PDB file of N, CA and C in Angstrom:
ATOM      1  N   MET A   1      -0.718  -2.340 -18.583  1.00  0.00           N
ATOM      2  CA  MET A   1      -0.064  -3.533 -18.070  1.00  0.00           C
ATOM      3  C   MET A   1       1.411  -3.252 -17.798  1.00  0.00           C
ATOM      4  N   LEU A   2       2.033  -2.520 -18.725  1.00  0.00           N
ATOM      5  CA  LEU A   2       3.445  -2.185 -18.573  1.00  0.00           C
ATOM      6  C   LEU A   2       3.653  -1.309 -17.349  1.00  0.00           C
ATOM      7  N   THR A   3       2.692  -0.415 -17.093  1.00  0.00           N
ATOM      8  CA  THR A   3       2.787   0.463 -15.928  1.00  0.00           C
ATOM      9  C   THR A   3       2.799  -0.346 -14.644  1.00  0.00           C
ATOM     10  N   GLU A   4       1.931  -1.364 -14.570  1.00  0.00           N
ATOM     11  CA  GLU A   4       1.871  -2.194 -13.372  1.00  0.00           C
ATOM     12  C   GLU A   4       3.191  -2.929 -13.150  1.00  0.00           C
ATOM     13  N   ILE A   5       3.820  -3.369 -14.242  1.00  0.00           N
ATOM     14  CA  ILE A   5       5.100  -4.067 -14.120  1.00  0.00           C
ATOM     15  C   ILE A   5       6.163  -3.109 -13.612  1.00  0.00           C
ATOM     16  N   LEU A   6       6.167  -1.882 -14.157  1.00  0.00           N
ATOM     17  CA  LEU A   6       7.137  -0.884 -13.708  1.00  0.00           C
ATOM     18  C   LEU A   6       6.930  -0.547 -12.238  1.00  0.00           C
ATOM     19  N   ILE A   7       5.668  -0.409 -11.832  1.00  0.00           N
ATOM     20  CA  ILE A   7       5.372  -0.106 -10.429  1.00  0.00           C
ATOM     21  C   ILE A   7       5.834  -1.254  -9.545  1.00  0.00           C
ATOM     22  N   SER A   8       5.568  -2.470  -9.978  1.00  0.00           N
ATOM     23  CA  SER A   8       5.977  -3.640  -9.201  1.00  0.00           C
ATOM     24  C   SER A   8       7.492  -3.703  -9.052  1.00  0.00           C
ATOM     25  N   ASN A   9       8.217  -3.441 -10.143  1.00  0.00           N
ATOM     26  CA  ASN A   9       9.686  -3.417 -10.072  1.00  0.00           C
ATOM     27  C   ASN A   9      10.159  -2.301  -9.160  1.00  0.00           C
ATOM     28  N   ASN A  10       9.487  -1.152  -9.240  1.00  0.00           N
ATOM     29  CA  ASN A  10       9.844  -0.012  -8.409  1.00  0.00           C
ATOM     30  C   ASN A  10       9.656  -0.349  -6.932  1.00  0.00           C
ATOM     31  N   ILE A  11       8.584  -1.018  -6.607  1.00  0.00           N
ATOM     32  CA  ILE A  11       8.323  -1.403  -5.220  1.00  0.00           C
ATOM     33  C   ILE A  11       9.419  -2.334  -4.719  1.00  0.00           C
ATOM     34  N   SER A  12       9.822  -3.261  -5.555  1.00  0.00           N
ATOM     35  CA  SER A  12      10.886  -4.192  -5.176  1.00  0.00           C
ATOM     36  C   SER A  12      12.199  -3.452  -4.929  1.00  0.00           C
ATOM     37  N   GLU A  13      12.527  -2.512  -5.810  1.00  0.00           N
ATOM     38  CA  GLU A  13      13.753  -1.726  -5.635  1.00  0.00           C
ATOM     39  C   GLU A  13      13.691  -0.894  -4.356  1.00  0.00           C
ATOM     40  N   LEU A  14      12.536  -0.293  -4.100  1.00  0.00           N
ATOM     41  CA  LEU A  14      12.390   0.527  -2.896  1.00  0.00           C
ATOM     42  C   LEU A  14      12.527  -0.321  -1.642  1.00  0.00           C
ATOM     43  N   ARG A  15      11.964  -1.528  -1.673  1.00  0.00           N
ATOM     44  CA  ARG A  15      12.095  -2.429  -0.528  1.00  0.00           C
ATOM     45  C   ARG A  15      13.557  -2.750  -0.252  1.00  0.00           C
ATOM     46  N   GLN A  16      14.325  -2.959  -1.326  1.00  0.00           N
ATOM     47  CA  GLN A  16      15.752  -3.242  -1.167  1.00  0.00           C
ATOM     48  C   GLN A  16      16.480  -2.037  -0.575  1.00  0.00           C
ATOM     49  N   LYS A  17      16.130  -0.835  -1.040  1.00  0.00           N
ATOM     50  CA  LYS A  17      16.763   0.374  -0.506  1.00  0.00           C
ATOM     51  C   LYS A  17      16.426   0.549   0.970  1.00  0.00           C
ATOM     52  N   ILE A  18      15.176   0.270   1.321  1.00  0.00           N
ATOM     53  CA  ILE A  18      14.757   0.378   2.723  1.00  0.00           C
ATOM     54  C   ILE A  18      15.581  -0.570   3.582  1.00  0.00           C
ATOM     55  N   SER A  19      15.723  -1.804   3.126  1.00  0.00           N
ATOM     56  CA  SER A  19      16.520  -2.784   3.879  1.00  0.00           C
ATOM     57  C   SER A  19      17.967  -2.341   4.005  1.00  0.00           C
ATOM     58  N   GLN A  20      18.511  -1.806   2.918  1.00  0.00           N
ATOM     59  CA  GLN A  20      19.906  -1.359   2.931  1.00  0.00           C
ATOM     60  C   GLN A  20      20.103  -0.220   3.928  1.00  0.00           C
ATOM     61  N   ILE A  21      19.238   0.766   3.894  1.00  0.00           N
ATOM     62  CA  ILE A  21      19.384   1.907   4.805  1.00  0.00           C
ATOM     63  C   ILE A  21      19.172   1.473   6.247  1.00  0.00           C
ATOM     64  N   MET A  22      18.223   0.575   6.471  1.00  0.00           N
ATOM     65  CA  MET A  22      18.000   0.098   7.839  1.00  0.00           C
ATOM     66  C   MET A  22      19.226  -0.640   8.364  1.00  0.00           C
ATOM     67  N   SER A  23      19.874  -1.416   7.497  1.00  0.00           N
ATOM     68  CA  SER A  23      21.083  -2.112   7.954  1.00  0.00           C
ATOM     69  C   SER A  23      22.221  -1.123   8.190  1.00  0.00           C
ATOM     70  N   GLU A  24      22.315  -0.082   7.355  1.00  0.00           N
ATOM     71  CA  GLU A  24      23.327   0.954   7.573  1.00  0.00           C
ATOM     72  C   GLU A  24      23.071   1.683   8.892  1.00  0.00           C
ATOM     73  N   LEU A  25      21.815   1.904   9.187  1.00  0.00           N
ATOM     74  CA  LEU A  25      21.451   2.557  10.446  1.00  0.00           C
ATOM     75  C   LEU A  25      21.805   1.661  11.626  1.00  0.00           C
ATOM     76  N   ASP A  26      21.564   0.364  11.477  1.00  0.00           N
ATOM     77  CA  ASP A  26      21.937  -0.581  12.534  1.00  0.00           C
ATOM     78  C   ASP A  26      23.448  -0.637  12.729  1.00  0.00           C
ATOM     79  N   GLU A  27      24.192  -0.500  11.621  1.00  0.00           N
ATOM     80  CA  GLU A  27      25.656  -0.518  11.702  1.00  0.00           C
ATOM     81  C   GLU A  27      26.201   0.658  12.509  1.00  0.00           C
ATOM     82  N   LEU A  28      25.459   1.758  12.516  1.00  0.00           N
ATOM     83  CA  LEU A  28      25.909   2.909  13.308  1.00  0.00           C
ATOM     84  C   LEU A  28      25.949   2.560  14.792  1.00  0.00           C
ATOM     85  N   GLY A  29      25.108   1.637  15.182  1.00  0.00           N
ATOM     86  CA  GLY A  29      25.098   1.197  16.577  1.00  0.00           C
ATOM     87  C   GLY A  29      24.398   2.191  17.487  1.00  0.00           C
ATOM     88  N   GLU A  30      24.744   2.088  18.734  1.00  0.00           N
ATOM     89  CA  GLU A  30      24.161   2.952  19.760  1.00  0.00           C
ATOM     90  C   GLU A  30      24.869   4.309  19.759  1.00  0.00           C
ATOM     91  N   PRO A  31      24.196   5.308  20.307  1.00  0.00           N
ATOM     92  CA  PRO A  31      24.862   6.617  20.408  1.00  0.00           C
ATOM     93  C   PRO A  31      26.161   6.500  21.206  1.00  0.00           C
ATOM     94  N   VAL A  32      27.096   7.357  20.850  1.00  0.00           N
ATOM     95  CA  VAL A  32      28.409   7.302  21.503  1.00  0.00           C
ATOM     96  C   VAL A  32      28.281   7.704  22.968  1.00  0.00           C
ATOM     97  N   LYS A  33      28.962   6.932  23.795  1.00  0.00           N
ATOM     98  CA  LYS A  33      28.947   7.248  25.225  1.00  0.00           C
ATOM     99  C   LYS A  33      30.115   8.174  25.530  1.00  0.00           C
ATOM    100  N   GLU A  34      29.877   8.994  26.500  1.00  0.00           N
ATOM    101  CA  GLU A  34      30.937   9.936  26.879  1.00  0.00           C
ATOM    102  C   GLU A  34      32.122   9.195  27.480  1.00  0.00           C
ATOM    103  N   ILE A  35      33.289   9.658  27.114  1.00  0.00           N
ATOM    104  CA  ILE A  35      34.522   9.108  27.676  1.00  0.00           C
ATOM    105  C   ILE A  35      35.021  10.135  28.688  1.00  0.00           C
ATOM    106  N   PRO A  36      35.089   9.751  29.952  1.00  0.00           N
ATOM    107  CA  PRO A  36      35.447  10.728  30.991  1.00  0.00           C
ATOM    108  C   PRO A  36      36.845  11.326  30.826  1.00  0.00           C
ATOM    109  N   GLU A  37      37.723  10.624  30.139  1.00  0.00           N
ATOM    110  CA  GLU A  37      39.099  11.102  30.015  1.00  0.00           C
ATOM    111  C   GLU A  37      39.239  12.289  29.061  1.00  0.00           C
ATOM    112  N   ILE A  38      38.254  12.484  28.173  1.00  0.00           N
ATOM    113  CA  ILE A  38      38.387  13.605  27.242  1.00  0.00           C
ATOM    114  C   ILE A  38      37.437  14.728  27.633  1.00  0.00           C
ATOM    115  N   ILE A  39      37.750  15.886  27.147  1.00  0.00           N
ATOM    116  CA  ILE A  39      36.966  17.055  27.554  1.00  0.00           C
ATOM    117  C   ILE A  39      35.563  16.987  26.969  1.00  0.00           C
ATOM    118  N   SER A  40      34.666  17.716  27.578  1.00  0.00           N
ATOM    119  CA  SER A  40      33.259  17.643  27.200  1.00  0.00           C
ATOM    120  C   SER A  40      33.017  18.100  25.758  1.00  0.00           C
ATOM    121  N   SER A  41      33.793  19.059  25.275  1.00  0.00           N
ATOM    122  CA  SER A  41      33.576  19.505  23.893  1.00  0.00           C
ATOM    123  C   SER A  41      33.904  18.388  22.898  1.00  0.00           C
ATOM    124  N   SER A  42      34.896  17.567  23.190  1.00  0.00           N
ATOM    125  CA  SER A  42      35.217  16.421  22.325  1.00  0.00           C
ATOM    126  C   SER A  42      34.095  15.395  22.367  1.00  0.00           C
ATOM    127  N   ASN A  43      33.560  15.166  23.552  1.00  0.00           N
ATOM    128  CA  ASN A  43      32.427  14.246  23.676  1.00  0.00           C
ATOM    129  C   ASN A  43      31.224  14.762  22.889  1.00  0.00           C
ATOM    130  N   LEU A  44      30.996  16.071  22.964  1.00  0.00           N
ATOM    131  CA  LEU A  44      29.879  16.662  22.229  1.00  0.00           C
ATOM    132  C   LEU A  44      30.088  16.534  20.719  1.00  0.00           C
ATOM    133  N   LEU A  45      31.315  16.726  20.263  1.00  0.00           N
ATOM    134  CA  LEU A  45      31.617  16.583  18.835  1.00  0.00           C
ATOM    135  C   LEU A  45      31.378  15.151  18.363  1.00  0.00           C
ATOM    136  N   ARG A  46      31.815  14.195  19.153  1.00  0.00           N
ATOM    137  CA  ARG A  46      31.605  12.787  18.802  1.00  0.00           C
ATOM    138  C   ARG A  46      30.116  12.456  18.763  1.00  0.00           C
ATOM    139  N   SER A  47      29.400  12.949  19.755  1.00  0.00           N
ATOM    140  CA  SER A  47      27.963  12.713  19.816  1.00  0.00           C
ATOM    141  C   SER A  47      27.262  13.383  18.627  1.00  0.00           C
ATOM    142  N   ASN A  48      27.680  14.602  18.320  1.00  0.00           N
ATOM    143  CA  ASN A  48      27.084  15.336  17.205  1.00  0.00           C
ATOM    144  C   ASN A  48      27.334  14.612  15.876  1.00  0.00           C
ATOM    145  N   GLU A  49      28.531  14.079  15.703  1.00  0.00           N
ATOM    146  CA  GLU A  49      28.862  13.346  14.477  1.00  0.00           C
ATOM    147  C   GLU A  49      27.962  12.124  14.315  1.00  0.00           C
ATOM    148  N   PHE A  50      27.757  11.409  15.408  1.00  0.00           N
ATOM    149  CA  PHE A  50      26.872  10.244  15.369  1.00  0.00           C
ATOM    150  C   PHE A  50      25.448  10.668  15.019  1.00  0.00           C
ATOM    151  N   LEU A  51      24.976  11.724  15.669  1.00  0.00           N
ATOM    152  CA  LEU A  51      23.605  12.176  15.432  1.00  0.00           C
ATOM    153  C   LEU A  51      23.411  12.648  13.992  1.00  0.00           C
ATOM    154  N   LEU A  52      24.422  13.282  13.422  1.00  0.00           N
ATOM    155  CA  LEU A  52      24.329  13.716  12.026  1.00  0.00           C
ATOM    156  C   LEU A  52      24.199  12.517  11.088  1.00  0.00           C
ATOM    157  N   LYS A  53      25.025  11.504  11.299  1.00  0.00           N
ATOM    158  CA  LYS A  53      24.964  10.303  10.463  1.00  0.00           C
ATOM    159  C   LYS A  53      23.619   9.597  10.629  1.00  0.00           C
ATOM    160  N   SER A  54      23.195   9.481  11.864  1.00  0.00           N
ATOM    161  CA  SER A  54      21.930   8.822  12.162  1.00  0.00           C
ATOM    162  C   SER A  54      20.762   9.584  11.529  1.00  0.00           C
ATOM    163  N   ASP A  55      20.788  10.902  11.673  1.00  0.00           N
ATOM    164  CA  ASP A  55      19.723  11.737  11.113  1.00  0.00           C
ATOM    165  C   ASP A  55      19.694  11.636   9.589  1.00  0.00           C
ATOM    166  N   GLU A  56      20.854  11.590   8.974  1.00  0.00           N
ATOM    167  CA  GLU A  56      20.940  11.472   7.512  1.00  0.00           C
ATOM    168  C   GLU A  56      20.303  10.170   7.040  1.00  0.00           C
ATOM    169  N   LYS A  57      20.600   9.087   7.735  1.00  0.00           N
ATOM    170  CA  LYS A  57      20.038   7.781   7.365  1.00  0.00           C
ATOM    171  C   LYS A  57      18.525   7.756   7.587  1.00  0.00           C
ATOM    172  N   LYS A  58      18.084   8.330   8.682  1.00  0.00           N
ATOM    173  CA  LYS A  58      16.645   8.341   8.974  1.00  0.00           C
ATOM    174  C   LYS A  58      15.889   9.206   7.974  1.00  0.00           C
ATOM    175  N   THR A  59      16.491  10.313   7.555  1.00  0.00           N
ATOM    176  CA  THR A  59      15.862  11.167   6.549  1.00  0.00           C
ATOM    177  C   THR A  59      15.744  10.423   5.222  1.00  0.00           C
ATOM    178  N   ALA A  60      16.807   9.719   4.827  1.00  0.00           N
ATOM    179  CA  ALA A  60      16.771   8.926   3.595  1.00  0.00           C
ATOM    180  C   ALA A  60      15.713   7.830   3.695  1.00  0.00           C
ATOM    181  N   LEU A  61      15.623   7.223   4.862  1.00  0.00           N
ATOM    182  CA  LEU A  61      14.644   6.163   5.079  1.00  0.00           C
ATOM    183  C   LEU A  61      13.217   6.703   4.944  1.00  0.00           C
ATOM    184  N   LEU A  62      12.962   7.866   5.529  1.00  0.00           N
ATOM    185  CA  LEU A  62      11.636   8.480   5.414  1.00  0.00           C
ATOM    186  C   LEU A  62      11.305   8.809   3.962  1.00  0.00           C
ATOM    187  N   SER A  63      12.282   9.295   3.237  1.00  0.00           N
ATOM    188  CA  SER A  63      12.076   9.632   1.830  1.00  0.00           C
ATOM    189  C   SER A  63      11.725   8.396   1.012  1.00  0.00           C
ATOM    190  N   ILE A  64      12.441   7.322   1.250  1.00  0.00           N
ATOM    191  CA  ILE A  64      12.172   6.089   0.501  1.00  0.00           C
ATOM    192  C   ILE A  64      10.830   5.492   0.908  1.00  0.00           C
ATOM    193  N   TYR A  65      10.484   5.574   2.188  1.00  0.00           N
ATOM    194  CA  TYR A  65       9.166   5.098   2.614  1.00  0.00           C
ATOM    195  C   TYR A  65       8.057   5.896   1.929  1.00  0.00           C
ATOM    196  N   ALA A  66       8.258   7.189   1.744  1.00  0.00           N
ATOM    197  CA  ALA A  66       7.260   8.011   1.053  1.00  0.00           C
ATOM    198  C   ALA A  66       7.108   7.545  -0.397  1.00  0.00           C
ATOM    199  N   GLN A  67       8.222   7.278  -1.066  1.00  0.00           N
ATOM    200  CA  GLN A  67       8.177   6.769  -2.445  1.00  0.00           C
ATOM    201  C   GLN A  67       7.511   5.398  -2.489  1.00  0.00           C
ATOM    202  N   TYR A  68       7.820   4.577  -1.504  1.00  0.00           N
ATOM    203  CA  TYR A  68       7.257   3.231  -1.411  1.00  0.00           C
ATOM    204  C   TYR A  68       5.733   3.307  -1.264  1.00  0.00           C
ATOM    205  N   CYS A  69       5.277   4.191  -0.391  1.00  0.00           N
ATOM    206  CA  CYS A  69       3.830   4.363  -0.192  1.00  0.00           C
ATOM    207  C   CYS A  69       3.158   4.837  -1.474  1.00  0.00           C
ATOM    208  N   LYS A  70       3.799   5.775  -2.167  1.00  0.00           N
ATOM    209  CA  LYS A  70       3.237   6.287  -3.419  1.00  0.00           C
ATOM    210  C   LYS A  70       3.134   5.168  -4.452  1.00  0.00           C
ATOM    211  N   SER A  71       4.160   4.343  -4.556  1.00  0.00           N
ATOM    212  CA  SER A  71       4.133   3.220  -5.500  1.00  0.00           C
ATOM    213  C   SER A  71       3.050   2.214  -5.132  1.00  0.00           C
ATOM    214  N   LEU A  72       2.896   1.948  -3.839  1.00  0.00           N
ATOM    215  CA  LEU A  72       1.842   1.026  -3.402  1.00  0.00           C
ATOM    216  C   LEU A  72       0.458   1.586  -3.720  1.00  0.00           C
ATOM    217  N   GLU A  73       0.289   2.896  -3.557  1.00  0.00           N
ATOM    218  CA  GLU A  73      -0.991   3.523  -3.885  1.00  0.00           C
ATOM    219  C   GLU A  73      -1.278   3.405  -5.380  1.00  0.00           C
ATOM    220  N   GLN A  74      -0.256   3.592  -6.219  1.00  0.00           N
ATOM    221  CA  GLN A  74      -0.439   3.444  -7.663  1.00  0.00           C
ATOM    222  C   GLN A  74      -0.800   2.007  -8.013  1.00  0.00           C
ATOM    223  N   LEU A  75      -0.129   1.077  -7.378  1.00  0.00           N
ATOM    224  CA  LEU A  75      -0.407  -0.333  -7.635  1.00  0.00           C
ATOM    225  C   LEU A  75      -1.827  -0.691  -7.200  1.00  0.00           C
ATOM    226  N   LEU A  76      -2.225  -0.198  -6.054  1.00  0.00           N
ATOM    227  CA  LEU A  76      -3.571  -0.451  -5.555  1.00  0.00           C
ATOM    228  C   LEU A  76      -4.612   0.171  -6.482  1.00  0.00           C
ATOM    229  N   SER A  77      -4.323   1.353  -6.977  1.00  0.00           N
ATOM    230  CA  SER A  77      -5.220   2.005  -7.925  1.00  0.00           C
ATOM    231  C   SER A  77      -5.370   1.156  -9.187  1.00  0.00           C
ATOM    232  N   SER A  78      -4.272   0.602  -9.662  1.00  0.00           N
ATOM    233  CA  SER A  78      -4.318  -0.270 -10.841  1.00  0.00           C
ATOM    234  C   SER A  78      -5.148  -1.521 -10.563  1.00  0.00           C
ATOM    235  N   VAL A  79      -4.995  -2.069  -9.382  1.00  0.00           N
ATOM    236  CA  VAL A  79      -5.770  -3.260  -9.007  1.00  0.00           C
ATOM    237  C   VAL A  79      -7.263  -2.931  -9.002  1.00  0.00           C
ATOM    238  N   PHE A  80      -7.624  -1.765  -8.466  1.00  0.00           N
ATOM    239  CA  PHE A  80      -9.034  -1.370  -8.452  1.00  0.00           C
ATOM    240  C   PHE A  80      -9.562  -1.132  -9.865  1.00  0.00           C
ATOM    241  N   GLU A  81      -8.734  -0.578 -10.747  1.00  0.00           N
ATOM    242  CA  GLU A  81      -9.147  -0.390 -12.139  1.00  0.00           C
ATOM    243  C   GLU A  81      -9.393  -1.737 -12.804  1.00  0.00           C
ATOM    244  N   ILE A  82      -8.499  -2.673 -12.571  1.00  0.00           N
ATOM    245  CA  ILE A  82      -8.654  -4.012 -13.144  1.00  0.00           C
ATOM    246  C   ILE A  82      -9.921  -4.668 -12.597  1.00  0.00           C
ATOM    247  N   GLN A  83     -10.150  -4.521 -11.296  1.00  0.00           N
ATOM    248  CA  GLN A  83     -11.347  -5.088 -10.679  1.00  0.00           C
ATOM    249  C   GLN A  83     -12.603  -4.486 -11.310  1.00  0.00           C
ATOM    250  N   HIS A  84     -12.583  -3.179 -11.516  1.00  0.00           N
ATOM    251  CA  HIS A  84     -13.727  -2.494 -12.122  1.00  0.00           C
ATOM    252  C   HIS A  84     -13.945  -3.001 -13.550  1.00  0.00           C
ATOM    253  N   ASP A  85     -12.859  -3.116 -14.323  1.00  0.00           N
ATOM    254  CA  ASP A  85     -12.961  -3.616 -15.696  1.00  0.00           C
ATOM    255  C   ASP A  85     -13.514  -5.035 -15.732  1.00  0.00           C
ATOM    256  N   LEU A  86     -13.028  -5.881 -14.833  1.00  0.00           N
ATOM    257  CA  LEU A  86     -13.514  -7.261 -14.786  1.00  0.00           C
ATOM    258  C   LEU A  86     -14.996  -7.317 -14.416  1.00  0.00           C
ATOM    259  N   LYS A  87     -15.403  -6.456 -13.516  1.00  0.00           N
ATOM    260  CA  LYS A  87     -16.811  -6.406 -13.119  1.00  0.00           C
ATOM    261  C   LYS A  87     -17.670  -5.996 -14.314  1.00  0.00           C
ATOM    262  N   ASN A  88     -17.199  -4.997 -15.068  1.00  0.00           N
ATOM    263  CA  ASN A  88     -17.945  -4.560 -16.252  1.00  0.00           C
ATOM    264  C   ASN A  88     -18.028  -5.665 -17.300  1.00  0.00           C
ATOM    265  N   ILE A  89     -16.930  -6.369 -17.501  1.00  0.00           N
ATOM    266  CA  ILE A  89     -16.920  -7.471 -18.470  1.00  0.00           C
ATOM    267  C   ILE A  89     -17.896  -8.554 -18.039  1.00  0.00           C
ATOM    268  N   LEU A  90     -17.887  -8.874 -16.760  1.00  0.00           N
ATOM    269  CA  LEU A  90     -18.787  -9.902 -16.243  1.00  0.00           C
ATOM    270  C   LEU A  90     -20.246  -9.480 -16.406  1.00  0.00           C
ATOM    271  N   THR A  91     -20.537  -8.229 -16.106  1.00  0.00           N
ATOM    272  CA  THR A  91     -21.901  -7.716 -16.254  1.00  0.00           C
ATOM    273  C   THR A  91     -22.324  -7.761 -17.716  1.00  0.00           C
ATOM    274  N   GLU A  92     -21.427  -7.351 -18.588  1.00  0.00           N
ATOM    275  CA  GLU A  92     -21.709  -7.348 -20.021  1.00  0.00           C
ATOM    276  C   GLU A  92     -21.969  -8.759 -20.529  1.00  0.00           C
ATOM    277  N   GLN A  93     -21.139  -9.695 -20.115  1.00  0.00           N
ATOM    278  CA  GLN A  93     -21.321 -11.077 -20.561  1.00  0.00           C
ATOM    279  C   GLN A  93     -22.600 -11.679 -19.989  1.00  0.00           C
ATOM    280  N   SER A  94     -22.924 -11.325 -18.770  1.00  0.00           N
ATOM    281  CA  SER A  94     -24.162 -11.834 -18.163  1.00  0.00           C
ATOM    282  C   SER A  94     -25.372 -11.328 -18.931  1.00  0.00           C
ATOM    283  N   SER A  95     -25.345 -10.057 -19.298  1.00  0.00           N
ATOM    284  CA  SER A  95     -26.483  -9.504 -20.037  1.00  0.00           C
ATOM    285  C   SER A  95     -26.569 -10.112 -21.434  1.00  0.00           C
ATOM    286  N   MET A  96     -25.437 -10.445 -22.023  1.00  0.00           N
ATOM    287  CA  MET A  96     -25.451 -11.088 -23.344  1.00  0.00           C
ATOM    288  C   MET A  96     -26.061 -12.481 -23.249  1.00  0.00           C
ATOM    289  N   ILE A  97     -25.734 -13.186 -22.192  1.00  0.00           N
ATOM    290  CA  ILE A  97     -26.274 -14.533 -22.003  1.00  0.00           C
ATOM    291  C   ILE A  97     -27.784 -14.467 -21.804  1.00  0.00           C
ATOM    292  N   GLU A  98     -28.236 -13.505 -21.017  1.00  0.00           N
ATOM    293  CA  GLU A  98     -29.662 -13.374 -20.732  1.00  0.00           C
ATOM    294  C   GLU A  98     -30.438 -12.918 -21.964  1.00  0.00           C
ATOM    295  N   SER A  99     -29.830 -12.113 -22.824  1.00  0.00           N
ATOM    296  CA  SER A  99     -30.549 -11.571 -23.972  1.00  0.00           C
ATOM    297  C   SER A  99     -30.580 -12.521 -25.165  1.00  0.00           C
ATOM    298  N   LYS A 100     -29.779 -13.551 -25.170  1.00  0.00           N
ATOM    299  CA  LYS A 100     -29.788 -14.514 -26.268  1.00  0.00           C
ATOM    300  C   LYS A 100     -31.117 -15.260 -26.255  1.00  0.00           C
ATOM    301  N   PRO A 101     -31.731 -15.374 -27.433  1.00  0.00           N
ATOM    302  CA  PRO A 101     -32.981 -16.156 -27.450  1.00  0.00           C
ATOM    303  C   PRO A 101     -32.656 -17.627 -27.199  1.00  0.00           C
ATOM    304  N   LYS A 102     -33.478 -18.168 -26.389  1.00  0.00           N
ATOM    305  CA  LYS A 102     -33.230 -19.569 -26.054  1.00  0.00           C
ATOM    306  C   LYS A 102     -33.735 -20.434 -27.204  1.00  0.00           C
ATOM    307  N   SER A 103     -32.861 -21.207 -27.716  1.00  0.00           N
ATOM    308  CA  SER A 103     -33.257 -22.086 -28.821  1.00  0.00           C
ATOM    309  C   SER A 103     -33.758 -23.398 -28.236  1.00  0.00           C
ATOM    310  N   LYS A 104     -34.780 -23.894 -28.891  1.00  0.00           N
ATOM    311  CA  LYS A 104     -35.323 -25.162 -28.418  1.00  0.00           C
ATOM    312  C   LYS A 104     -34.395 -26.268 -28.878  1.00  0.00           C
ATOM    313  N   PRO A 105     -34.187 -27.218 -28.024  1.00  0.00           N
ATOM    314  CA  PRO A 105     -33.309 -28.309 -28.446  1.00  0.00           C
ATOM    315  C   PRO A 105     -33.939 -29.049 -29.626  1.00  0.00           C
ATOM    316  N   LYS A 106     -33.125 -29.343 -30.579  1.00  0.00           N
ATOM    317  CA  LYS A 106     -33.620 -30.059 -31.754  1.00  0.00           C
ATOM    318  C   LYS A 106     -33.967 -31.482 -31.345  1.00  0.00           C
ATOM    319  N   SER A 107     -35.126 -31.874 -31.833  1.00  0.00           N
ATOM    320  CA  SER A 107     -35.512 -33.243 -31.502  1.00  0.00           C
ATOM    321  C   SER A 107     -34.872 -34.184 -32.512  1.00  0.00           C
ATOM    322  N   LYS A 108     -34.436 -35.267 -32.026  1.00  0.00           N
ATOM    323  CA  LYS A 108     -33.791 -36.249 -32.886  1.00  0.00           C
ATOM    324  C   LYS A 108     -34.875 -36.989 -33.670  1.00  0.00           C
ATOM    325  N   PRO A 109     -34.563 -37.279 -34.908  1.00  0.00           N
ATOM    326  CA  PRO A 109     -35.567 -38.057 -35.668  1.00  0.00           C
ATOM    327  C   PRO A 109     -35.754 -39.423 -35.006  1.00  0.00           C
ATOM    328  N   LYS A 110     -37.001 -39.751 -34.931  1.00  0.00           N
ATOM    329  CA  LYS A 110     -37.292 -41.027 -34.278  1.00  0.00           C
ATOM    330  C   LYS A 110     -36.919 -42.155 -35.225  1.00  0.00           C
ATOM    331  N   SER A 111     -36.184 -43.030 -34.702  1.00  0.00           N
ATOM    332  CA  SER A 111     -35.789 -44.174 -35.532  1.00  0.00           C
ATOM    333  C   SER A 111     -36.771 -45.319 -35.288  1.00  0.00           C
ATOM    334  N   LYS A 112     -37.053 -45.983 -36.342  1.00  0.00           N
ATOM    335  CA  LYS A 112     -37.987 -47.099 -36.227  1.00  0.00           C
ATOM    336  C   LYS A 112     -37.229 -48.295 -35.686  1.00  0.00           C
ATOM    337  N   PRO A 113     -37.836 -48.981 -34.762  1.00  0.00           N
ATOM    338  CA  PRO A 113     -37.146 -50.154 -34.234  1.00  0.00           C
ATOM    339  C   PRO A 113     -37.016 -51.230 -35.313  1.00  0.00           C
ATOM    340  N   LYS A 114     -35.914 -51.808 -35.318  1.00  0.00           N
ATOM    341  CA  LYS A 114     -35.665 -52.867 -36.293  1.00  0.00           C
ATOM    342  C   LYS A 114     -36.444 -54.110 -35.879  1.00  0.00           C
ATOM    343  N   SER A 115     -37.043 -54.674 -36.847  1.00  0.00           N
ATOM    344  CA  SER A 115     -37.808 -55.878 -36.543  1.00  0.00           C
ATOM    345  C   SER A 115     -36.911 -57.106 -36.670  1.00  0.00           C
ATOM    346  N   LYS A 116     -37.212 -58.043 -35.855  1.00  0.00           N
ATOM    347  CA  LYS A 116     -36.415 -59.265 -35.859  1.00  0.00           C
ATOM    348  C   LYS A 116     -36.946 -60.186 -36.940  1.00  0.00           C
ATOM    349  N   GLN A 117     -36.102 -60.706 -37.683  1.00  0.00           N
ATOM    350  CA  GLN A 117     -36.540 -61.623 -38.727  1.00  0.00           C
ATOM    351  C   GLN A 117     -35.931 -62.951 -38.575  1.00  0.00           C
TER     352      GLN A 117
END
């Protein structure tokens, strides 16, 4: 049970990290456009700097998505284990109900009608 709680908390944290990195990636904006007034090597450096930052964020995002998927798989595995356990409990209880000898309902003692006097 504790494992499932830890996995659930982990999934929540990973979701927050994913959102944070995606917003950081959005903050980078569009790739830098060339400025005709500066030389091409400066434009290439600016473009390269943007691509490095963008690539770093995307790599981090992929890494967190991989962790997120792993946590979801663990959680799903736990759900299937619980489902299996519940099925076994239900089967066990059903067989116990079927194997109990059926007791005949006790008949109530017949009461004599009171006579009117």
